[in-house]
Structures are given as structure tokens and as C-alpha cells.
Amino acid sequence: MYKYFITVLFFSYLLMACSPNNVTEDKSLKKYFDENNVTGTFAVFDNGQGNFTIYNLNRYKDSAYLPASTFKIVNSLIGLQTGDIINEKMIIKWDGIKRANENWNKDLTMEEAFKVSAVPYYQEVAKRIGKDTMQIWLDSIGYGTKKINTTIDSFWLDNSLKITADEQLGLIKKLYFNQLPFSKTTQEIVKRVMIQDQNTNYTLAYKTGLGITENGQQLAWVVGWIEENRHPHLFVLNLEANQQVDIITARKKILMDILQHLGYLEGKK
């Protein structure tokens, strides 16, 4: 057991390590944030070259925020590993409560719930997992601040649990290469449901997140990877804006604009 945790810690160190030699701060990306009236950070890791391209390094490394619905990645992994989610086709019945998002107001499979980011589905999954088991897994994978200070069905939404963009990217990299302490089958299922767009040029996989910070600002995430010619590039986008900004539209636009700016989406990477 001791050797196992040393191995996990060793991998964590490797995946989080950013040295001056492998990091390029790209200040030209600032314009994509400015034109959408948001602040934030973006990072992409070229696994083949071992290089990071980062905008706003301080925010990327040092600022922690609620994970919001990006936590569905971890909630899915734990649920599948414990058997509280049988597979991606497992249905949880709608509780009959009408919510603003019509996509949530019906029976959903895990795959459907992940795609439409259905909070009620994953709140039920978290309840089935239970606080003690959830805490064990958060500690095992070193997820953010690892804190469950509030209820089991809201701690990732209410600023109880926080995570940095650097930690998000580290998690995604380990997931992509099946290096998390979950079965390969579990990790492959989650990777599969994360795929959002697949064509001859690229495969784009990610999970979004949307929440409100402690100071009342909107917060948005996109964490995932783009794969071209079988070469993975892991990325994280973190945005913050006032309530007047359409942050959902800005989130997708900034992601696609930056990827295009950096030479992605054409199958040439």
C-alpha cells in the first residue's frame, strides 16, 4: 500500500511540474479574454513535446475555485468504481421537480446526464456514494482542497471544495493516460462520454462547469483535450466575469478561438 501511494505521488509530481524550460507564457491570448469582457487563464499541454503554453500563469497555478460541473468527471469515476453507477447507460428516474433546464426534466442515463450537465442526476449519485466514501476518493486522488464542508450533494457547487487550473489539468492528463487509481474500464467510460466533437481533423473532449464565486462573480470552466493525428493536447480554460456577461457563450467562443489561434482544429498538430 505504501509503495502504491508513493507511485501516485510521484506521478502527481511529474504531471503538475512546470519548469521555466517547458513553459511558454503567451500574452497574445489576452485579447480573447478582453474582447469577451472576462478575466481568466488558459493552458494547454503538448504531451508529445512536453511543453505548456499558458496565459496568466499566476491565476493558473495559485488561484483555486469551485469546480462546479467539472466535478462530474470525478463523480462519474467514483460512482462507476464503487458500482453506484453500473455503466454509462444507467438510468436515474426524474424526481418530478421541474427545473429551468428542460433537458434535466426527464429520466436520464449517465451519458445523457453528463452531456447536458444534469445537476440532479449527479446529486443523486453523490448521495448514493456517501460522504465517507467520497472523502476517501478525494484524498486518494488529491482533488483540490479535498474538503467536504457542506452537504454531500452540493459541496462542489457552493465554494466548499476548490481546485486550481493546474490541478484540473493534472487530473485530465492522468485520466487520459489511465493513470488514476480507478480501473481502466472506469476511466475509458468517462473519457468516452467526454467526447463532444469528432471528425477527420480532430477529437475534442471536455467537460464544462458554471458557478458563482464567493464574491458573486460568474465562474466558468472547460477542461479536456484535443487529439490530432493521435497526439493528445490537454487543456484547461478558467473564466470569471460579472453578471452582465453571457459567460456560457464567451466560454465556448474563447476556447475555439484560442485553439484555432494556436494552430489546432486543422489536423496538423
C-alpha atoms as a PDB file:
ATOM      1  CA  MET A   1       0.000   0.000   0.000  1.00  0.00           C
ATOM      2  CA  TYR A   2       2.846   2.370   0.873  1.00  0.00           C
ATOM      3  CA  LYS A   3       4.529   1.739  -2.485  1.00  0.00           C
ATOM      4  CA  TYR A   4       1.218   2.386  -4.243  1.00  0.00           C
ATOM      5  CA  PHE A   5       0.798   5.822  -2.665  1.00  0.00           C
ATOM      6  CA  ILE A   6       4.419   6.720  -3.359  1.00  0.00           C
ATOM      7  CA  THR A   7       3.792   5.848  -7.024  1.00  0.00           C
ATOM      8  CA  VAL A   8       0.666   8.011  -7.113  1.00  0.00           C
ATOM      9  CA  LEU A   9       2.514  10.907  -5.501  1.00  0.00           C
ATOM     10  CA  PHE A  10       5.384  10.504  -7.967  1.00  0.00           C
ATOM     11  CA  PHE A  11       3.026  10.681 -10.927  1.00  0.00           C
ATOM     12  CA  SER A  12       1.291  13.691  -9.375  1.00  0.00           C
ATOM     13  CA  TYR A  13       4.631  15.469  -9.072  1.00  0.00           C
ATOM     14  CA  LEU A  14       5.512  14.777 -12.684  1.00  0.00           C
ATOM     15  CA  LEU A  15       2.167  15.919 -14.009  1.00  0.00           C
ATOM     16  CA  MET A  16       1.998  19.129 -12.039  1.00  0.00           C
ATOM     17  CA  ALA A  17       5.624  20.169 -12.589  1.00  0.00           C
ATOM     18  CA  CYS A  18       6.093  23.326 -14.600  1.00  0.00           C
ATOM     19  CA  SER A  19       9.665  24.500 -15.001  1.00  0.00           C
ATOM     20  CA  PRO A  20      10.845  27.624 -16.853  1.00  0.00           C
ATOM     21  CA  ASN A  21      12.206  25.323 -19.555  1.00  0.00           C
ATOM     22  CA  ASN A  22       8.890  23.814 -20.564  1.00  0.00           C
ATOM     23  CA  VAL A  23       6.501  26.748 -20.046  1.00  0.00           C
ATOM     24  CA  THR A  24       5.727  29.468 -22.578  1.00  0.00           C
ATOM     25  CA  GLU A  25       3.623  32.370 -21.316  1.00  0.00           C
ATOM     26  CA  ASP A  26       1.581  33.536 -24.290  1.00  0.00           C
ATOM     27  CA  LYS A  27       0.351  37.065 -23.584  1.00  0.00           C
ATOM     28  CA  SER A  28      -1.156  37.321 -27.070  1.00  0.00           C
ATOM     29  CA  LEU A  29      -4.083  35.223 -25.749  1.00  0.00           C
ATOM     30  CA  LYS A  30      -5.159  38.129 -23.540  1.00  0.00           C
ATOM     31  CA  LYS A  31      -7.140  39.650 -26.399  1.00  0.00           C
ATOM     32  CA  TYR A  32      -9.588  36.733 -26.432  1.00  0.00           C
ATOM     33  CA  PHE A  33     -10.433  37.352 -22.794  1.00  0.00           C
ATOM     34  CA  ASP A  34     -10.599  41.136 -23.166  1.00  0.00           C
ATOM     35  CA  GLU A  35     -12.920  41.101 -26.180  1.00  0.00           C
ATOM     36  CA  ASN A  36     -15.366  38.927 -24.227  1.00  0.00           C
ATOM     37  CA  ASN A  37     -15.159  41.097 -21.072  1.00  0.00           C
ATOM     38  CA  VAL A  38     -13.817  38.308 -18.865  1.00  0.00           C
ATOM     39  CA  THR A  39     -10.693  37.588 -16.871  1.00  0.00           C
ATOM     40  CA  GLY A  40      -9.162  34.147 -16.676  1.00  0.00           C
ATOM     41  CA  THR A  41      -6.456  31.711 -17.602  1.00  0.00           C
ATOM     42  CA  PHE A  42      -5.816  29.136 -20.309  1.00  0.00           C
ATOM     43  CA  ALA A  43      -3.230  26.381 -20.528  1.00  0.00           C
ATOM     44  CA  VAL A  44      -2.532  23.615 -22.997  1.00  0.00           C
ATOM     45  CA  PHE A  45      -0.017  20.808 -22.554  1.00  0.00           C
ATOM     46  CA  ASP A  46       1.533  19.260 -25.663  1.00  0.00           C
ATOM     47  CA  ASN A  47       2.190  15.748 -24.443  1.00  0.00           C
ATOM     48  CA  GLY A  48       4.449  14.840 -27.374  1.00  0.00           C
ATOM     49  CA  GLN A  49       6.803  17.755 -26.762  1.00  0.00           C
ATOM     50  CA  GLY A  50       6.260  18.054 -23.012  1.00  0.00           C
ATOM     51  CA  ASN A  51       5.554  21.778 -23.310  1.00  0.00           C
ATOM     52  CA  PHE A  52       2.996  24.035 -21.649  1.00  0.00           C
ATOM     53  CA  THR A  53       1.537  27.147 -23.279  1.00  0.00           C
ATOM     54  CA  ILE A  54      -0.108  29.273 -20.608  1.00  0.00           C
ATOM     55  CA  TYR A  55      -1.883  32.597 -20.385  1.00  0.00           C
ATOM     56  CA  ASN A  56      -1.976  34.177 -16.897  1.00  0.00           C
ATOM     57  CA  LEU A  57       0.412  31.853 -15.093  1.00  0.00           C
ATOM     58  CA  ASN A  58      -0.317  33.228 -11.615  1.00  0.00           C
ATOM     59  CA  ARG A  59      -4.032  32.508 -11.874  1.00  0.00           C
ATOM     60  CA  TYR A  60      -3.298  29.108 -13.409  1.00  0.00           C
ATOM     61  CA  LYS A  61      -1.057  27.960 -10.561  1.00  0.00           C
ATOM     62  CA  ASP A  62      -2.189  29.831  -7.484  1.00  0.00           C
ATOM     63  CA  SER A  63      -5.922  30.610  -7.625  1.00  0.00           C
ATOM     64  CA  ALA A  64      -8.426  27.954  -6.553  1.00  0.00           C
ATOM     65  CA  TYR A  65     -12.127  27.999  -7.454  1.00  0.00           C
ATOM     66  CA  LEU A  66     -15.187  25.823  -7.065  1.00  0.00           C
ATOM     67  CA  PRO A  67     -15.068  23.052  -9.691  1.00  0.00           C
ATOM     68  CA  ALA A  68     -18.814  23.311 -10.434  1.00  0.00           C
ATOM     69  CA  SER A  69     -19.864  20.739 -13.040  1.00  0.00           C
ATOM     70  CA  THR A  70     -16.316  19.774 -13.966  1.00  0.00           C
ATOM     71  CA  PHE A  71     -16.648  17.681 -10.787  1.00  0.00           C
ATOM     72  CA  LYS A  72     -18.934  15.391 -12.786  1.00  0.00           C
ATOM     73  CA  ILE A  73     -15.722  13.847 -14.130  1.00  0.00           C
ATOM     74  CA  VAL A  74     -14.698  12.733 -10.645  1.00  0.00           C
ATOM     75  CA  ASN A  75     -18.253  11.975  -9.529  1.00  0.00           C
ATOM     76  CA  SER A  76     -18.566   9.659 -12.553  1.00  0.00           C
ATOM     77  CA  LEU A  77     -15.248   7.950 -11.872  1.00  0.00           C
ATOM     78  CA  ILE A  78     -16.100   7.285  -8.233  1.00  0.00           C
ATOM     79  CA  GLY A  79     -19.667   6.240  -8.999  1.00  0.00           C
ATOM     80  CA  LEU A  80     -18.536   3.751 -11.630  1.00  0.00           C
ATOM     81  CA  GLN A  81     -15.730   2.393  -9.462  1.00  0.00           C
ATOM     82  CA  THR A  82     -17.998   1.840  -6.450  1.00  0.00           C
ATOM     83  CA  GLY A  83     -20.831   0.404  -8.536  1.00  0.00           C
ATOM     84  CA  ASP A  84     -23.213   3.219  -7.644  1.00  0.00           C
ATOM     85  CA  ILE A  85     -23.229   3.842 -11.402  1.00  0.00           C
ATOM     86  CA  ILE A  86     -23.430   0.499 -13.209  1.00  0.00           C
ATOM     87  CA  ASN A  87     -22.378   1.896 -16.589  1.00  0.00           C
ATOM     88  CA  GLU A  88     -22.993   4.925 -18.785  1.00  0.00           C
ATOM     89  CA  LYS A  89     -26.441   3.597 -19.715  1.00  0.00           C
ATOM     90  CA  MET A  90     -27.701   3.501 -16.108  1.00  0.00           C
ATOM     91  CA  ILE A  91     -30.930   5.449 -15.752  1.00  0.00           C
ATOM     92  CA  ILE A  92     -31.876   7.540 -12.741  1.00  0.00           C
ATOM     93  CA  LYS A  93     -35.543   8.435 -12.735  1.00  0.00           C
ATOM     94  CA  TRP A  94     -36.579  12.082 -12.830  1.00  0.00           C
ATOM     95  CA  ASP A  95     -37.776  13.203  -9.401  1.00  0.00           C
ATOM     96  CA  GLY A  96     -40.662  15.144 -10.947  1.00  0.00           C
ATOM     97  CA  ILE A  97     -39.346  18.542  -9.875  1.00  0.00           C
ATOM     98  CA  LYS A  98     -39.400  20.969 -12.815  1.00  0.00           C
ATOM     99  CA  ARG A  99     -36.191  22.907 -13.241  1.00  0.00           C
ATOM    100  CA  ALA A 100     -35.207  25.758 -15.551  1.00  0.00           C
ATOM    101  CA  ASN A 101     -33.140  23.470 -17.771  1.00  0.00           C
ATOM    102  CA  GLU A 102     -35.718  21.365 -19.628  1.00  0.00           C
ATOM    103  CA  ASN A 103     -33.046  18.818 -20.521  1.00  0.00           C
ATOM    104  CA  TRP A 104     -32.988  17.787 -16.860  1.00  0.00           C
ATOM    105  CA  ASN A 105     -36.737  17.204 -16.537  1.00  0.00           C
ATOM    106  CA  LYS A 106     -36.833  13.565 -17.601  1.00  0.00           C
ATOM    107  CA  ASP A 107     -35.294  10.174 -16.881  1.00  0.00           C
ATOM    108  CA  LEU A 108     -31.613  10.270 -17.863  1.00  0.00           C
ATOM    109  CA  THR A 109     -28.785   7.826 -18.408  1.00  0.00           C
ATOM    110  CA  MET A 110     -25.381   8.721 -17.021  1.00  0.00           C
ATOM    111  CA  GLU A 111     -24.152   9.527 -20.533  1.00  0.00           C
ATOM    112  CA  GLU A 112     -27.115  11.840 -21.170  1.00  0.00           C
ATOM    113  CA  ALA A 113     -26.768  13.467 -17.756  1.00  0.00           C
ATOM    114  CA  PHE A 114     -23.072  14.108 -18.380  1.00  0.00           C
ATOM    115  CA  LYS A 115     -23.729  15.658 -21.797  1.00  0.00           C
ATOM    116  CA  VAL A 116     -26.447  18.029 -20.539  1.00  0.00           C
ATOM    117  CA  SER A 117     -24.647  18.556 -17.216  1.00  0.00           C
ATOM    118  CA  ALA A 118     -27.667  17.475 -15.196  1.00  0.00           C
ATOM    119  CA  VAL A 119     -27.023  18.521 -11.599  1.00  0.00           C
ATOM    120  CA  PRO A 120     -29.907  16.487 -10.063  1.00  0.00           C
ATOM    121  CA  TYR A 121     -28.611  13.230 -11.566  1.00  0.00           C
ATOM    122  CA  TYR A 122     -25.165  13.726 -10.091  1.00  0.00           C
ATOM    123  CA  GLN A 123     -26.526  14.930  -6.765  1.00  0.00           C
ATOM    124  CA  GLU A 124     -28.286  11.574  -6.513  1.00  0.00           C
ATOM    125  CA  VAL A 125     -25.074   9.766  -7.478  1.00  0.00           C
ATOM    126  CA  ALA A 126     -23.187  11.629  -4.735  1.00  0.00           C
ATOM    127  CA  LYS A 127     -25.821  10.652  -2.163  1.00  0.00           C
ATOM    128  CA  ARG A 128     -25.500   7.007  -3.170  1.00  0.00           C
ATOM    129  CA  ILE A 129     -21.707   7.175  -2.896  1.00  0.00           C
ATOM    130  CA  GLY A 130     -21.938   8.751   0.555  1.00  0.00           C
ATOM    131  CA  LYS A 131     -19.766  11.289   2.314  1.00  0.00           C
ATOM    132  CA  ASP A 132     -17.229   8.880   3.821  1.00  0.00           C
ATOM    133  CA  THR A 133     -16.532   7.050   0.570  1.00  0.00           C
ATOM    134  CA  MET A 134     -16.440  10.303  -1.386  1.00  0.00           C
ATOM    135  CA  GLN A 135     -13.895  11.703   1.067  1.00  0.00           C
ATOM    136  CA  ILE A 136     -11.669   8.631   0.757  1.00  0.00           C
ATOM    137  CA  TRP A 137     -11.529   9.055  -3.021  1.00  0.00           C
ATOM    138  CA  LEU A 138     -10.934  12.822  -2.891  1.00  0.00           C
ATOM    139  CA  ASP A 139      -7.996  12.164  -0.576  1.00  0.00           C
ATOM    140  CA  SER A 140      -6.704   9.304  -2.749  1.00  0.00           C
ATOM    141  CA  ILE A 141      -6.566  11.356  -5.940  1.00  0.00           C
ATOM    142  CA  GLY A 142      -5.604  14.602  -4.177  1.00  0.00           C
ATOM    143  CA  TYR A 143      -8.504  16.511  -5.678  1.00  0.00           C
ATOM    144  CA  GLY A 144      -8.136  20.231  -5.000  1.00  0.00           C
ATOM    145  CA  THR A 145      -8.644  21.192  -1.357  1.00  0.00           C
ATOM    146  CA  LYS A 146     -10.273  17.771  -0.741  1.00  0.00           C
ATOM    147  CA  LYS A 147     -12.869  19.374   1.548  1.00  0.00           C
ATOM    148  CA  ILE A 148     -16.484  18.341   2.021  1.00  0.00           C
ATOM    149  CA  ASN A 149     -17.574  21.006   4.490  1.00  0.00           C
ATOM    150  CA  THR A 150     -21.213  21.129   3.458  1.00  0.00           C
ATOM    151  CA  THR A 151     -23.762  18.607   2.212  1.00  0.00           C
ATOM    152  CA  ILE A 152     -22.778  15.635   0.053  1.00  0.00           C
ATOM    153  CA  ASP A 153     -24.972  16.845  -2.815  1.00  0.00           C
ATOM    154  CA  SER A 154     -23.669  20.413  -3.043  1.00  0.00           C
ATOM    155  CA  PHE A 155     -20.055  20.679  -1.819  1.00  0.00           C
ATOM    156  CA  TRP A 156     -18.651  21.034  -5.369  1.00  0.00           C
ATOM    157  CA  LEU A 157     -21.136  23.821  -6.158  1.00  0.00           C
ATOM    158  CA  ASP A 158     -21.045  26.073  -3.081  1.00  0.00           C
ATOM    159  CA  ASN A 159     -17.358  27.032  -2.767  1.00  0.00           C
ATOM    160  CA  SER A 160     -16.759  24.366  -0.119  1.00  0.00           C
ATOM    161  CA  LEU A 161     -14.414  22.438  -2.426  1.00  0.00           C
ATOM    162  CA  LYS A 162     -11.923  24.350  -4.573  1.00  0.00           C
ATOM    163  CA  ILE A 163      -9.352  23.459  -7.224  1.00  0.00           C
ATOM    164  CA  THR A 164      -6.739  25.291  -9.295  1.00  0.00           C
ATOM    165  CA  ALA A 165      -6.486  25.209 -13.083  1.00  0.00           C
ATOM    166  CA  ASP A 166      -3.106  23.465 -12.680  1.00  0.00           C
ATOM    167  CA  GLU A 167      -4.724  20.702 -10.624  1.00  0.00           C
ATOM    168  CA  GLN A 168      -7.525  20.363 -13.170  1.00  0.00           C
ATOM    169  CA  LEU A 169      -5.009  19.877 -15.969  1.00  0.00           C
ATOM    170  CA  GLY A 170      -3.065  17.347 -13.920  1.00  0.00           C
ATOM    171  CA  LEU A 171      -6.214  15.318 -13.329  1.00  0.00           C
ATOM    172  CA  ILE A 172      -7.164  15.369 -17.019  1.00  0.00           C
ATOM    173  CA  LYS A 173      -3.698  14.233 -18.066  1.00  0.00           C
ATOM    174  CA  LYS A 174      -3.787  11.296 -15.672  1.00  0.00           C
ATOM    175  CA  LEU A 175      -7.291  10.397 -16.830  1.00  0.00           C
ATOM    176  CA  TYR A 176      -6.281  10.463 -20.495  1.00  0.00           C
ATOM    177  CA  PHE A 177      -3.447   8.006 -19.846  1.00  0.00           C
ATOM    178  CA  ASN A 178      -5.441   5.812 -17.417  1.00  0.00           C
ATOM    179  CA  GLN A 179      -3.106   6.758 -14.556  1.00  0.00           C
ATOM    180  CA  LEU A 180      -5.770   7.494 -11.940  1.00  0.00           C
ATOM    181  CA  PRO A 181      -6.403   4.898  -9.197  1.00  0.00           C
ATOM    182  CA  PHE A 182      -9.547   3.635 -10.926  1.00  0.00           C
ATOM    183  CA  SER A 183      -9.967   0.642 -13.212  1.00  0.00           C
ATOM    184  CA  LYS A 184      -9.127   1.088 -16.883  1.00  0.00           C
ATOM    185  CA  THR A 185     -12.759   0.330 -17.773  1.00  0.00           C
ATOM    186  CA  THR A 186     -13.981   3.104 -15.470  1.00  0.00           C
ATOM    187  CA  GLN A 187     -11.562   5.636 -16.947  1.00  0.00           C
ATOM    188  CA  GLU A 188     -12.357   4.620 -20.528  1.00  0.00           C
ATOM    189  CA  ILE A 189     -16.102   5.109 -19.948  1.00  0.00           C
ATOM    190  CA  VAL A 190     -15.575   8.617 -18.590  1.00  0.00           C
ATOM    191  CA  LYS A 191     -13.225   9.528 -21.444  1.00  0.00           C
ATOM    192  CA  ARG A 192     -15.794   8.302 -23.934  1.00  0.00           C
ATOM    193  CA  VAL A 193     -18.658  10.389 -22.534  1.00  0.00           C
ATOM    194  CA  MET A 194     -16.412  13.464 -22.516  1.00  0.00           C
ATOM    195  CA  ILE A 195     -16.123  13.471 -26.335  1.00  0.00           C
ATOM    196  CA  GLN A 196     -18.008  16.468 -27.718  1.00  0.00           C
ATOM    197  CA  ASP A 197     -16.837  16.637 -31.324  1.00  0.00           C
ATOM    198  CA  GLN A 198     -15.118  14.073 -33.534  1.00  0.00           C
ATOM    199  CA  ASN A 199     -14.207  14.482 -37.206  1.00  0.00           C
ATOM    200  CA  THR A 200     -11.387  13.719 -39.620  1.00  0.00           C
ATOM    201  CA  ASN A 201      -9.237  16.544 -38.250  1.00  0.00           C
ATOM    202  CA  TYR A 202      -9.599  16.145 -34.501  1.00  0.00           C
ATOM    203  CA  THR A 203     -11.342  14.702 -31.477  1.00  0.00           C
ATOM    204  CA  LEU A 204     -12.401  17.315 -28.933  1.00  0.00           C
ATOM    205  CA  ALA A 205     -13.341  16.078 -25.473  1.00  0.00           C
ATOM    206  CA  TYR A 206     -14.173  18.207 -22.455  1.00  0.00           C
ATOM    207  CA  LYS A 207     -16.411  18.960 -19.510  1.00  0.00           C
ATOM    208  CA  THR A 208     -17.723  22.414 -18.744  1.00  0.00           C
ATOM    209  CA  GLY A 209     -18.533  23.982 -15.403  1.00  0.00           C
ATOM    210  CA  LEU A 210     -20.512  27.054 -14.352  1.00  0.00           C
ATOM    211  CA  GLY A 211     -20.869  28.552 -10.897  1.00  0.00           C
ATOM    212  CA  ILE A 212     -20.830  31.631  -8.686  1.00  0.00           C
ATOM    213  CA  THR A 213     -17.754  32.604  -6.692  1.00  0.00           C
ATOM    214  CA  GLU A 214     -17.831  33.807  -3.101  1.00  0.00           C
ATOM    215  CA  ASN A 215     -17.674  37.417  -4.316  1.00  0.00           C
ATOM    216  CA  GLY A 216     -20.699  36.974  -6.588  1.00  0.00           C
ATOM    217  CA  GLN A 217     -18.830  36.688  -9.876  1.00  0.00           C
ATOM    218  CA  GLN A 218     -19.733  34.178 -12.576  1.00  0.00           C
ATOM    219  CA  LEU A 219     -17.189  31.408 -12.961  1.00  0.00           C
ATOM    220  CA  ALA A 220     -16.802  29.078 -15.935  1.00  0.00           C
ATOM    221  CA  TRP A 221     -14.526  26.136 -16.733  1.00  0.00           C
ATOM    222  CA  VAL A 222     -13.697  23.966 -19.722  1.00  0.00           C
ATOM    223  CA  VAL A 223     -11.315  21.054 -19.052  1.00  0.00           C
ATOM    224  CA  GLY A 224     -10.375  18.347 -21.538  1.00  0.00           C
ATOM    225  CA  TRP A 225      -8.184  17.563 -24.517  1.00  0.00           C
ATOM    226  CA  ILE A 226      -7.915  17.861 -28.272  1.00  0.00           C
ATOM    227  CA  GLU A 227      -6.397  14.955 -30.149  1.00  0.00           C
ATOM    228  CA  GLU A 228      -4.963  15.357 -33.652  1.00  0.00           C
ATOM    229  CA  ASN A 229      -3.126  12.600 -35.518  1.00  0.00           C
ATOM    230  CA  ARG A 230      -3.331  10.550 -32.301  1.00  0.00           C
ATOM    231  CA  HIS A 231      -1.380  13.216 -30.423  1.00  0.00           C
ATOM    232  CA  PRO A 232      -3.147  14.470 -27.261  1.00  0.00           C
ATOM    233  CA  HIS A 233      -3.034  18.071 -26.115  1.00  0.00           C
ATOM    234  CA  LEU A 234      -4.580  18.572 -22.672  1.00  0.00           C
ATOM    235  CA  PHE A 235      -6.154  21.940 -21.842  1.00  0.00           C
ATOM    236  CA  VAL A 236      -7.940  23.950 -19.188  1.00  0.00           C
ATOM    237  CA  LEU A 237      -9.855  27.207 -19.533  1.00  0.00           C
ATOM    238  CA  ASN A 238     -10.995  29.200 -16.492  1.00  0.00           C
ATOM    239  CA  LEU A 239     -13.103  32.371 -16.770  1.00  0.00           C
ATOM    240  CA  GLU A 240     -14.555  34.922 -14.381  1.00  0.00           C
ATOM    241  CA  ALA A 241     -16.984  37.735 -15.187  1.00  0.00           C
ATOM    242  CA  ASN A 242     -19.695  39.951 -13.749  1.00  0.00           C
ATOM    243  CA  GLN A 243     -23.360  39.037 -14.013  1.00  0.00           C
ATOM    244  CA  GLN A 244     -23.915  41.103 -17.172  1.00  0.00           C
ATOM    245  CA  VAL A 245     -21.654  38.900 -19.307  1.00  0.00           C
ATOM    246  CA  ASP A 246     -23.028  35.929 -21.253  1.00  0.00           C
ATOM    247  CA  ILE A 247     -20.300  33.689 -19.895  1.00  0.00           C
ATOM    248  CA  ILE A 248     -21.643  30.487 -21.466  1.00  0.00           C
ATOM    249  CA  THR A 249     -21.303  31.937 -24.966  1.00  0.00           C
ATOM    250  CA  ALA A 250     -17.956  33.528 -24.076  1.00  0.00           C
ATOM    251  CA  ARG A 251     -16.622  30.227 -22.744  1.00  0.00           C
ATOM    252  CA  LYS A 252     -17.130  28.314 -25.986  1.00  0.00           C
ATOM    253  CA  LYS A 253     -16.013  31.201 -28.186  1.00  0.00           C
ATOM    254  CA  ILE A 254     -12.790  31.772 -26.267  1.00  0.00           C
ATOM    255  CA  LEU A 255     -11.946  28.070 -26.296  1.00  0.00           C
ATOM    256  CA  MET A 256     -12.422  27.681 -30.030  1.00  0.00           C
ATOM    257  CA  ASP A 257     -10.723  30.995 -30.867  1.00  0.00           C
ATOM    258  CA  ILE A 258      -7.659  30.126 -28.801  1.00  0.00           C
ATOM    259  CA  LEU A 259      -7.398  26.610 -30.199  1.00  0.00           C
ATOM    260  CA  GLN A 260      -7.587  27.995 -33.727  1.00  0.00           C
ATOM    261  CA  HIS A 261      -5.067  30.725 -32.893  1.00  0.00           C
ATOM    262  CA  LEU A 262      -2.626  28.086 -31.635  1.00  0.00           C
ATOM    263  CA  GLY A 263      -2.960  26.035 -34.820  1.00  0.00           C
ATOM    264  CA  TYR A 264      -5.430  23.387 -33.711  1.00  0.00           C
ATOM    265  CA  LEU A 265      -8.664  22.202 -35.390  1.00  0.00           C
ATOM    266  CA  GLU A 266      -6.988  21.602 -38.780  1.00  0.00           C
ATOM    267  CA  GLY A 267      -5.486  18.162 -38.156  1.00  0.00           C
ATOM    268  CA  LYS A 268      -1.921  19.455 -38.425  1.00  0.00           C
ATOM    269  CA  LYS A 269      -0.742  19.022 -34.837  1.00  0.00           C
END
